[in-house]
Amino acid sequence: MRSEVLPFILSGGAGTRLWPLSREAFPKQFHRLIGPHSLFQDTCRRLSGRIFGRLTVLSNHQHRFLIQEQLREVGLGPADILLEPASRNTAPAACVASLMAASGDPEALVLLAPSDHAIGDGVSFADSVSLGAEAARRGSVVTFGVEPDCPHTGYGYI
């Protein structure tokens, strides 16, 4: 059994939430909104090293060169980039990530991570993922996020 967690970064999006700054060709995850790196770059950096295996980015054809350039800018690579033929939201991406991970190791642990989250403390995040990985190895499904107090699409109805 592998000791690492395989990170899959979900980097789709139509660029509609921060319009007019964010556009279809340059959605919010590729902007430098809170520091010297884009949200995408911060996510990739946070999911590299220590407990994490090889990075995989799930995105669309339109952003493939932008992804490669942003990874190069922060010295990350190689990363696998899987381009979806059509945007179908999170469930199909989760399925593909699971199938990809299982093809290499049936016991692999998958971490699905949005590319546009701002997480201030990367060390605490990695520690939380380590704890979650222990629970996942015992058979639990682990989610990270804000605890919802009502059904809402912003929480994905978890």
N, C-alpha and C. Protein backbone atom coordinates (compact mmCIF):
# COMPACT_ATOMS: atom_id res chain seq x y z
N MET A 1 0.84 -1.19 0.00
CA MET A 1 0.00 0.00 0.00
C MET A 1 0.88 1.24 0.00
N ARG A 2 0.53 2.23 -0.79
CA ARG A 2 1.27 3.49 -0.83
C ARG A 2 1.01 4.29 0.44
N SER A 3 2.00 5.08 0.83
CA SER A 3 1.82 5.93 1.99
C SER A 3 1.35 7.32 1.59
N GLU A 4 1.48 7.67 0.32
CA GLU A 4 1.13 9.02 -0.10
C GLU A 4 -0.33 9.11 -0.54
N VAL A 5 -0.77 10.34 -0.63
CA VAL A 5 -2.11 10.66 -1.12
C VAL A 5 -1.94 11.23 -2.52
N LEU A 6 -2.74 10.75 -3.47
CA LEU A 6 -2.64 11.23 -4.84
C LEU A 6 -3.54 12.45 -5.04
N PRO A 7 -2.95 13.62 -5.28
CA PRO A 7 -3.75 14.83 -5.44
C PRO A 7 -4.25 15.02 -6.88
N PHE A 8 -5.54 15.27 -6.99
CA PHE A 8 -6.17 15.59 -8.26
C PHE A 8 -6.78 16.97 -8.11
N ILE A 9 -6.29 17.92 -8.89
CA ILE A 9 -6.77 19.30 -8.81
C ILE A 9 -7.84 19.51 -9.87
N LEU A 10 -8.99 19.96 -9.42
CA LEU A 10 -10.12 20.23 -10.31
C LEU A 10 -10.02 21.68 -10.77
N SER A 11 -9.73 21.86 -12.05
CA SER A 11 -9.47 23.20 -12.56
C SER A 11 -10.32 23.50 -13.78
N GLY A 12 -11.61 23.32 -13.64
CA GLY A 12 -12.53 23.68 -14.71
C GLY A 12 -13.03 25.08 -14.44
N GLY A 13 -14.20 25.34 -14.81
CA GLY A 13 -14.80 26.63 -14.50
C GLY A 13 -14.97 27.49 -15.73
N ALA A 14 -16.03 28.26 -15.70
CA ALA A 14 -16.39 29.09 -16.85
C ALA A 14 -16.00 30.55 -16.65
N GLY A 15 -15.40 30.88 -15.52
CA GLY A 15 -14.96 32.25 -15.31
C GLY A 15 -16.08 33.24 -15.11
N THR A 16 -17.18 32.80 -14.49
CA THR A 16 -18.34 33.68 -14.33
C THR A 16 -18.46 34.30 -12.94
N ARG A 17 -17.78 33.77 -11.94
CA ARG A 17 -18.01 34.22 -10.56
C ARG A 17 -17.36 35.54 -10.22
N LEU A 18 -16.28 35.91 -10.85
CA LEU A 18 -15.64 37.19 -10.58
C LEU A 18 -15.62 38.08 -11.82
N TRP A 19 -16.62 37.91 -12.65
CA TRP A 19 -16.72 38.72 -13.85
C TRP A 19 -16.80 40.19 -13.44
N PRO A 20 -16.14 41.11 -14.08
CA PRO A 20 -15.47 40.99 -15.37
C PRO A 20 -13.98 40.63 -15.27
N LEU A 21 -13.42 40.54 -14.06
CA LEU A 21 -12.01 40.15 -13.94
C LEU A 21 -11.79 38.75 -14.49
N SER A 22 -12.65 37.85 -14.09
CA SER A 22 -12.55 36.45 -14.48
C SER A 22 -13.38 36.21 -15.73
N ARG A 23 -12.78 35.58 -16.72
CA ARG A 23 -13.45 35.29 -17.98
C ARG A 23 -13.27 33.82 -18.33
N GLU A 24 -13.99 33.33 -19.30
CA GLU A 24 -13.90 31.93 -19.70
C GLU A 24 -12.47 31.52 -20.05
N ALA A 25 -11.76 32.40 -20.74
CA ALA A 25 -10.38 32.08 -21.14
C ALA A 25 -9.38 32.23 -19.99
N PHE A 26 -9.78 32.93 -18.92
CA PHE A 26 -8.87 33.20 -17.80
C PHE A 26 -9.67 33.27 -16.50
N PRO A 27 -10.17 32.09 -16.02
CA PRO A 27 -11.02 32.07 -14.83
C PRO A 27 -10.24 32.38 -13.55
N LYS A 28 -10.98 32.57 -12.47
CA LYS A 28 -10.42 33.10 -11.23
C LYS A 28 -9.24 32.33 -10.68
N GLN A 29 -9.19 31.01 -10.87
CA GLN A 29 -8.09 30.25 -10.28
C GLN A 29 -6.73 30.63 -10.85
N PHE A 30 -6.69 31.25 -12.01
CA PHE A 30 -5.42 31.61 -12.63
C PHE A 30 -5.00 33.05 -12.34
N HIS A 31 -5.81 33.77 -11.55
CA HIS A 31 -5.48 35.14 -11.18
C HIS A 31 -4.70 35.17 -9.87
N ARG A 32 -3.90 36.19 -9.72
CA ARG A 32 -3.16 36.43 -8.47
C ARG A 32 -4.03 37.35 -7.61
N LEU A 33 -4.89 36.75 -6.79
CA LEU A 33 -5.87 37.51 -6.03
C LEU A 33 -5.43 37.82 -4.61
N ILE A 34 -4.59 36.96 -4.02
CA ILE A 34 -4.25 37.14 -2.61
C ILE A 34 -2.75 37.09 -2.32
N GLY A 35 -1.94 37.17 -3.34
CA GLY A 35 -0.50 37.11 -3.13
C GLY A 35 0.24 37.03 -4.44
N PRO A 36 1.51 36.63 -4.37
CA PRO A 36 2.34 36.62 -5.58
C PRO A 36 2.02 35.48 -6.55
N HIS A 37 1.25 34.50 -6.10
CA HIS A 37 0.90 33.37 -6.95
C HIS A 37 -0.61 33.33 -7.17
N SER A 38 -1.00 32.67 -8.24
CA SER A 38 -2.44 32.49 -8.49
C SER A 38 -3.00 31.47 -7.50
N LEU A 39 -4.31 31.43 -7.39
CA LEU A 39 -4.95 30.41 -6.53
C LEU A 39 -4.58 29.02 -7.01
N PHE A 40 -4.53 28.81 -8.33
CA PHE A 40 -4.13 27.53 -8.91
C PHE A 40 -2.70 27.17 -8.48
N GLN A 41 -1.78 28.13 -8.60
CA GLN A 41 -0.39 27.87 -8.23
C GLN A 41 -0.27 27.55 -6.75
N ASP A 42 -0.98 28.29 -5.90
CA ASP A 42 -0.95 28.01 -4.46
C ASP A 42 -1.48 26.61 -4.17
N THR A 43 -2.55 26.21 -4.86
CA THR A 43 -3.10 24.87 -4.67
C THR A 43 -2.08 23.82 -5.08
N CYS A 44 -1.45 23.99 -6.22
CA CYS A 44 -0.44 23.03 -6.68
C CYS A 44 0.73 22.95 -5.71
N ARG A 45 1.18 24.07 -5.22
CA ARG A 45 2.29 24.09 -4.26
C ARG A 45 1.89 23.39 -2.96
N ARG A 46 0.67 23.63 -2.51
CA ARG A 46 0.17 23.04 -1.27
C ARG A 46 0.08 21.51 -1.38
N LEU A 47 -0.18 21.02 -2.58
CA LEU A 47 -0.37 19.58 -2.79
C LEU A 47 0.86 18.90 -3.39
N SER A 48 2.02 19.48 -3.16
CA SER A 48 3.27 18.90 -3.64
C SER A 48 4.16 18.56 -2.44
N GLY A 49 4.90 17.47 -2.58
CA GLY A 49 5.86 17.10 -1.54
C GLY A 49 5.23 16.36 -0.37
N ARG A 50 6.04 16.14 0.61
CA ARG A 50 5.71 15.49 1.87
C ARG A 50 4.82 14.26 1.72
N ILE A 51 3.54 14.38 1.91
CA ILE A 51 2.65 13.21 1.90
C ILE A 51 1.99 12.96 0.56
N PHE A 52 2.25 13.85 -0.41
CA PHE A 52 1.52 13.79 -1.67
C PHE A 52 2.32 13.09 -2.77
N GLY A 53 1.59 12.33 -3.59
CA GLY A 53 2.17 11.69 -4.76
C GLY A 53 2.16 12.65 -5.94
N ARG A 54 2.31 12.09 -7.11
CA ARG A 54 2.36 12.87 -8.35
C ARG A 54 1.07 13.65 -8.54
N LEU A 55 1.23 14.90 -8.90
CA LEU A 55 0.12 15.82 -9.10
C LEU A 55 -0.58 15.58 -10.44
N THR A 56 -1.91 15.58 -10.41
CA THR A 56 -2.70 15.50 -11.64
C THR A 56 -3.69 16.65 -11.65
N VAL A 57 -3.78 17.33 -12.77
CA VAL A 57 -4.72 18.44 -12.94
C VAL A 57 -5.78 17.99 -13.93
N LEU A 58 -7.04 18.13 -13.55
CA LEU A 58 -8.16 17.84 -14.45
C LEU A 58 -8.73 19.17 -14.90
N SER A 59 -8.75 19.39 -16.22
CA SER A 59 -9.18 20.68 -16.75
C SER A 59 -9.76 20.50 -18.14
N ASN A 60 -9.82 21.59 -18.87
CA ASN A 60 -10.34 21.54 -20.24
C ASN A 60 -9.25 21.96 -21.23
N HIS A 61 -9.49 21.71 -22.50
CA HIS A 61 -8.49 22.01 -23.54
C HIS A 61 -8.12 23.49 -23.57
N GLN A 62 -9.07 24.34 -23.29
CA GLN A 62 -8.83 25.78 -23.39
C GLN A 62 -7.75 26.25 -22.42
N HIS A 63 -7.59 25.57 -21.28
CA HIS A 63 -6.65 26.04 -20.26
C HIS A 63 -5.34 25.27 -20.22
N ARG A 64 -5.14 24.34 -21.14
CA ARG A 64 -3.97 23.45 -21.05
C ARG A 64 -2.65 24.20 -21.07
N PHE A 65 -2.50 25.22 -21.90
CA PHE A 65 -1.24 25.95 -21.96
C PHE A 65 -1.08 26.87 -20.75
N LEU A 66 -2.16 27.42 -20.28
CA LEU A 66 -2.14 28.25 -19.08
C LEU A 66 -1.70 27.43 -17.87
N ILE A 67 -2.21 26.22 -17.76
CA ILE A 67 -1.83 25.31 -16.67
C ILE A 67 -0.34 25.01 -16.74
N GLN A 68 0.16 24.66 -17.90
CA GLN A 68 1.58 24.35 -18.05
C GLN A 68 2.45 25.55 -17.70
N GLU A 69 2.06 26.72 -18.15
CA GLU A 69 2.83 27.94 -17.87
C GLU A 69 2.82 28.25 -16.37
N GLN A 70 1.67 28.14 -15.74
CA GLN A 70 1.60 28.45 -14.31
C GLN A 70 2.36 27.44 -13.47
N LEU A 71 2.36 26.18 -13.86
CA LEU A 71 3.17 25.18 -13.16
C LEU A 71 4.66 25.49 -13.33
N ARG A 72 5.06 25.85 -14.54
CA ARG A 72 6.46 26.18 -14.80
C ARG A 72 6.91 27.38 -13.97
N GLU A 73 6.04 28.39 -13.85
CA GLU A 73 6.38 29.61 -13.10
C GLU A 73 6.74 29.32 -11.65
N VAL A 74 6.12 28.31 -11.06
CA VAL A 74 6.41 27.99 -9.65
C VAL A 74 7.31 26.77 -9.50
N GLY A 75 7.91 26.34 -10.61
CA GLY A 75 8.87 25.25 -10.56
C GLY A 75 8.29 23.89 -10.27
N LEU A 76 7.03 23.68 -10.64
CA LEU A 76 6.40 22.39 -10.42
C LEU A 76 6.27 21.63 -11.73
N GLY A 77 6.53 20.38 -11.64
CA GLY A 77 6.41 19.53 -12.79
C GLY A 77 7.34 18.37 -12.62
N PRO A 78 7.19 17.35 -13.33
CA PRO A 78 6.07 17.22 -14.26
C PRO A 78 4.78 16.90 -13.51
N ALA A 79 3.72 17.31 -14.06
CA ALA A 79 2.39 16.98 -13.54
C ALA A 79 1.60 16.36 -14.68
N ASP A 80 0.71 15.49 -14.34
CA ASP A 80 -0.19 14.94 -15.35
C ASP A 80 -1.34 15.92 -15.53
N ILE A 81 -1.70 16.18 -16.77
CA ILE A 81 -2.83 17.06 -17.06
C ILE A 81 -3.82 16.26 -17.88
N LEU A 82 -4.99 16.07 -17.32
CA LEU A 82 -6.05 15.33 -17.99
C LEU A 82 -7.09 16.33 -18.47
N LEU A 83 -7.34 16.33 -19.77
CA LEU A 83 -8.26 17.29 -20.37
C LEU A 83 -9.60 16.63 -20.64
N GLU A 84 -10.65 17.19 -20.07
CA GLU A 84 -11.97 16.63 -20.28
C GLU A 84 -12.54 17.11 -21.61
N PRO A 85 -13.25 16.22 -22.31
CA PRO A 85 -13.82 16.60 -23.61
C PRO A 85 -14.97 17.59 -23.47
N ALA A 86 -15.66 17.55 -22.33
CA ALA A 86 -16.77 18.47 -22.06
C ALA A 86 -16.89 18.62 -20.55
N SER A 87 -17.23 19.79 -20.11
CA SER A 87 -17.38 20.05 -18.68
C SER A 87 -18.61 19.33 -18.13
N ARG A 88 -18.39 18.52 -17.12
CA ARG A 88 -19.49 17.75 -16.53
C ARG A 88 -19.51 17.85 -15.01
N ASN A 89 -18.82 18.85 -14.45
CA ASN A 89 -18.79 19.09 -13.02
C ASN A 89 -17.97 18.05 -12.26
N THR A 90 -18.21 17.93 -10.96
CA THR A 90 -17.31 17.20 -10.07
C THR A 90 -17.45 15.69 -10.11
N ALA A 91 -18.64 15.16 -10.19
CA ALA A 91 -18.82 13.70 -10.08
C ALA A 91 -18.05 12.93 -11.14
N PRO A 92 -18.15 13.27 -12.43
CA PRO A 92 -17.35 12.53 -13.41
C PRO A 92 -15.85 12.71 -13.20
N ALA A 93 -15.43 13.90 -12.78
CA ALA A 93 -14.00 14.12 -12.51
C ALA A 93 -13.54 13.24 -11.36
N ALA A 94 -14.37 13.10 -10.33
CA ALA A 94 -14.03 12.24 -9.19
C ALA A 94 -13.93 10.78 -9.64
N CYS A 95 -14.81 10.38 -10.51
CA CYS A 95 -14.80 9.02 -11.04
C CYS A 95 -13.52 8.76 -11.83
N VAL A 96 -13.17 9.68 -12.71
CA VAL A 96 -11.96 9.53 -13.52
C VAL A 96 -10.72 9.51 -12.63
N ALA A 97 -10.67 10.38 -11.64
CA ALA A 97 -9.53 10.41 -10.71
C ALA A 97 -9.40 9.07 -9.99
N SER A 98 -10.51 8.55 -9.54
CA SER A 98 -10.50 7.26 -8.83
C SER A 98 -10.03 6.13 -9.73
N LEU A 99 -10.52 6.12 -10.96
CA LEU A 99 -10.11 5.08 -11.91
C LEU A 99 -8.63 5.18 -12.25
N MET A 100 -8.15 6.41 -12.44
CA MET A 100 -6.73 6.61 -12.74
C MET A 100 -5.86 6.13 -11.57
N ALA A 101 -6.24 6.51 -10.37
CA ALA A 101 -5.46 6.12 -9.19
C ALA A 101 -5.48 4.61 -9.01
N ALA A 102 -6.66 4.01 -9.16
CA ALA A 102 -6.79 2.56 -8.95
C ALA A 102 -6.04 1.76 -10.01
N SER A 103 -5.86 2.33 -11.20
CA SER A 103 -5.13 1.59 -12.23
C SER A 103 -3.67 1.40 -11.84
N GLY A 104 -3.13 2.30 -11.03
CA GLY A 104 -1.76 2.18 -10.57
C GLY A 104 -1.64 1.45 -9.25
N ASP A 105 -2.67 1.58 -8.41
CA ASP A 105 -2.67 0.98 -7.08
C ASP A 105 -4.11 0.90 -6.59
N PRO A 106 -4.66 -0.30 -6.48
CA PRO A 106 -6.05 -0.43 -6.05
C PRO A 106 -6.32 0.12 -4.65
N GLU A 107 -5.28 0.31 -3.85
CA GLU A 107 -5.42 0.85 -2.49
C GLU A 107 -5.10 2.34 -2.42
N ALA A 108 -4.91 2.98 -3.56
CA ALA A 108 -4.51 4.39 -3.58
C ALA A 108 -5.56 5.28 -2.92
N LEU A 109 -5.07 6.33 -2.28
CA LEU A 109 -5.95 7.34 -1.70
C LEU A 109 -5.96 8.55 -2.62
N VAL A 110 -7.14 9.06 -2.90
CA VAL A 110 -7.32 10.18 -3.82
C VAL A 110 -7.77 11.40 -3.02
N LEU A 111 -7.13 12.53 -3.30
CA LEU A 111 -7.57 13.81 -2.75
C LEU A 111 -8.02 14.68 -3.90
N LEU A 112 -9.32 14.98 -3.96
CA LEU A 112 -9.86 15.90 -4.95
C LEU A 112 -9.83 17.30 -4.35
N ALA A 113 -9.21 18.23 -5.06
CA ALA A 113 -9.07 19.58 -4.52
C ALA A 113 -9.44 20.62 -5.56
N PRO A 114 -10.34 21.52 -5.22
CA PRO A 114 -10.62 22.63 -6.13
C PRO A 114 -9.37 23.48 -6.31
N SER A 115 -9.22 24.06 -7.48
CA SER A 115 -8.02 24.85 -7.77
C SER A 115 -8.13 26.29 -7.32
N ASP A 116 -9.28 26.69 -6.79
CA ASP A 116 -9.50 28.11 -6.50
C ASP A 116 -9.73 28.41 -5.02
N HIS A 117 -9.29 27.53 -4.13
CA HIS A 117 -9.45 27.80 -2.71
C HIS A 117 -8.24 28.52 -2.14
N ALA A 118 -8.48 29.40 -1.20
CA ALA A 118 -7.41 30.09 -0.49
C ALA A 118 -7.30 29.45 0.89
N ILE A 119 -6.16 28.82 1.15
CA ILE A 119 -5.91 28.17 2.44
C ILE A 119 -4.63 28.78 2.99
N GLY A 120 -4.75 29.50 4.09
CA GLY A 120 -3.63 30.26 4.62
C GLY A 120 -2.52 29.44 5.24
N ASP A 121 -2.83 28.32 5.85
CA ASP A 121 -1.83 27.54 6.57
C ASP A 121 -1.66 26.18 5.91
N GLY A 122 -0.71 26.10 5.00
CA GLY A 122 -0.47 24.87 4.26
C GLY A 122 0.01 23.73 5.12
N VAL A 123 0.75 24.02 6.18
CA VAL A 123 1.24 22.97 7.08
C VAL A 123 0.07 22.33 7.82
N SER A 124 -0.82 23.14 8.36
CA SER A 124 -2.00 22.60 9.05
C SER A 124 -2.89 21.83 8.08
N PHE A 125 -2.99 22.33 6.85
CA PHE A 125 -3.77 21.63 5.83
C PHE A 125 -3.18 20.23 5.60
N ALA A 126 -1.86 20.15 5.40
CA ALA A 126 -1.21 18.86 5.17
C ALA A 126 -1.38 17.94 6.38
N ASP A 127 -1.31 18.51 7.58
CA ASP A 127 -1.54 17.70 8.78
C ASP A 127 -2.97 17.16 8.80
N SER A 128 -3.93 17.98 8.41
CA SER A 128 -5.32 17.53 8.35
C SER A 128 -5.50 16.43 7.31
N VAL A 129 -4.83 16.59 6.16
CA VAL A 129 -4.91 15.56 5.13
C VAL A 129 -4.29 14.26 5.65
N SER A 130 -3.20 14.35 6.38
CA SER A 130 -2.57 13.15 6.97
C SER A 130 -3.54 12.43 7.90
N LEU A 131 -4.22 13.19 8.75
CA LEU A 131 -5.21 12.58 9.64
C LEU A 131 -6.36 11.97 8.85
N GLY A 132 -6.81 12.68 7.83
CA GLY A 132 -7.88 12.16 6.97
C GLY A 132 -7.45 10.90 6.25
N ALA A 133 -6.18 10.86 5.83
CA ALA A 133 -5.67 9.68 5.12
C ALA A 133 -5.68 8.45 6.04
N GLU A 134 -5.35 8.66 7.31
CA GLU A 134 -5.40 7.55 8.26
C GLU A 134 -6.82 6.99 8.35
N ALA A 135 -7.80 7.88 8.43
CA ALA A 135 -9.21 7.45 8.51
C ALA A 135 -9.62 6.77 7.20
N ALA A 136 -9.17 7.31 6.06
CA ALA A 136 -9.52 6.72 4.77
C ALA A 136 -8.94 5.31 4.63
N ARG A 137 -7.73 5.11 5.14
CA ARG A 137 -7.13 3.78 5.07
C ARG A 137 -7.92 2.76 5.90
N ARG A 138 -8.65 3.26 6.88
CA ARG A 138 -9.51 2.38 7.69
C ARG A 138 -10.90 2.22 7.07
N GLY A 139 -11.12 2.83 5.90
CA GLY A 139 -12.38 2.63 5.19
C GLY A 139 -13.34 3.80 5.20
N SER A 140 -12.98 4.92 5.80
CA SER A 140 -13.88 6.08 5.84
C SER A 140 -13.76 6.92 4.58
N VAL A 141 -14.84 7.60 4.23
CA VAL A 141 -14.81 8.63 3.21
C VAL A 141 -14.60 9.94 3.97
N VAL A 142 -13.63 10.72 3.58
CA VAL A 142 -13.25 11.92 4.31
C VAL A 142 -13.52 13.14 3.44
N THR A 143 -14.14 14.15 4.02
CA THR A 143 -14.33 15.43 3.33
C THR A 143 -13.73 16.53 4.18
N PHE A 144 -13.25 17.57 3.52
CA PHE A 144 -12.71 18.75 4.18
C PHE A 144 -13.54 19.94 3.75
N GLY A 145 -13.81 20.83 4.66
CA GLY A 145 -14.53 22.03 4.28
C GLY A 145 -15.27 22.65 5.44
N VAL A 146 -16.03 23.65 5.12
CA VAL A 146 -16.85 24.34 6.09
C VAL A 146 -18.08 23.48 6.37
N GLU A 147 -18.43 23.34 7.64
CA GLU A 147 -19.61 22.55 7.97
C GLU A 147 -20.87 23.34 7.62
N PRO A 148 -21.69 22.80 6.71
CA PRO A 148 -22.88 23.53 6.30
C PRO A 148 -23.97 23.51 7.38
N ASP A 149 -24.80 24.54 7.37
CA ASP A 149 -25.94 24.56 8.29
C ASP A 149 -27.26 24.46 7.55
N CYS A 150 -27.18 24.31 6.20
CA CYS A 150 -28.36 24.13 5.38
C CYS A 150 -27.92 23.62 4.01
N PRO A 151 -28.84 23.01 3.23
CA PRO A 151 -28.48 22.60 1.88
C PRO A 151 -28.18 23.83 1.01
N HIS A 152 -27.11 23.79 0.28
CA HIS A 152 -26.72 24.92 -0.53
C HIS A 152 -25.77 24.45 -1.62
N THR A 153 -25.95 24.95 -2.84
CA THR A 153 -25.08 24.51 -3.94
C THR A 153 -23.63 24.89 -3.68
N GLY A 154 -23.37 25.92 -2.92
CA GLY A 154 -21.99 26.31 -2.58
C GLY A 154 -21.28 25.24 -1.77
N TYR A 155 -22.03 24.39 -1.09
CA TYR A 155 -21.44 23.30 -0.33
C TYR A 155 -21.52 21.98 -1.09
N GLY A 156 -22.06 21.99 -2.27
CA GLY A 156 -22.19 20.76 -3.04
C GLY A 156 -23.17 19.78 -2.41
N TYR A 157 -24.02 20.23 -1.52
CA TYR A 157 -25.02 19.40 -0.85
C TYR A 157 -24.42 18.24 -0.07
N ILE A 158 -23.19 18.41 0.41
CA ILE A 158 -22.59 17.35 1.25
C ILE A 158 -23.23 17.44 2.62
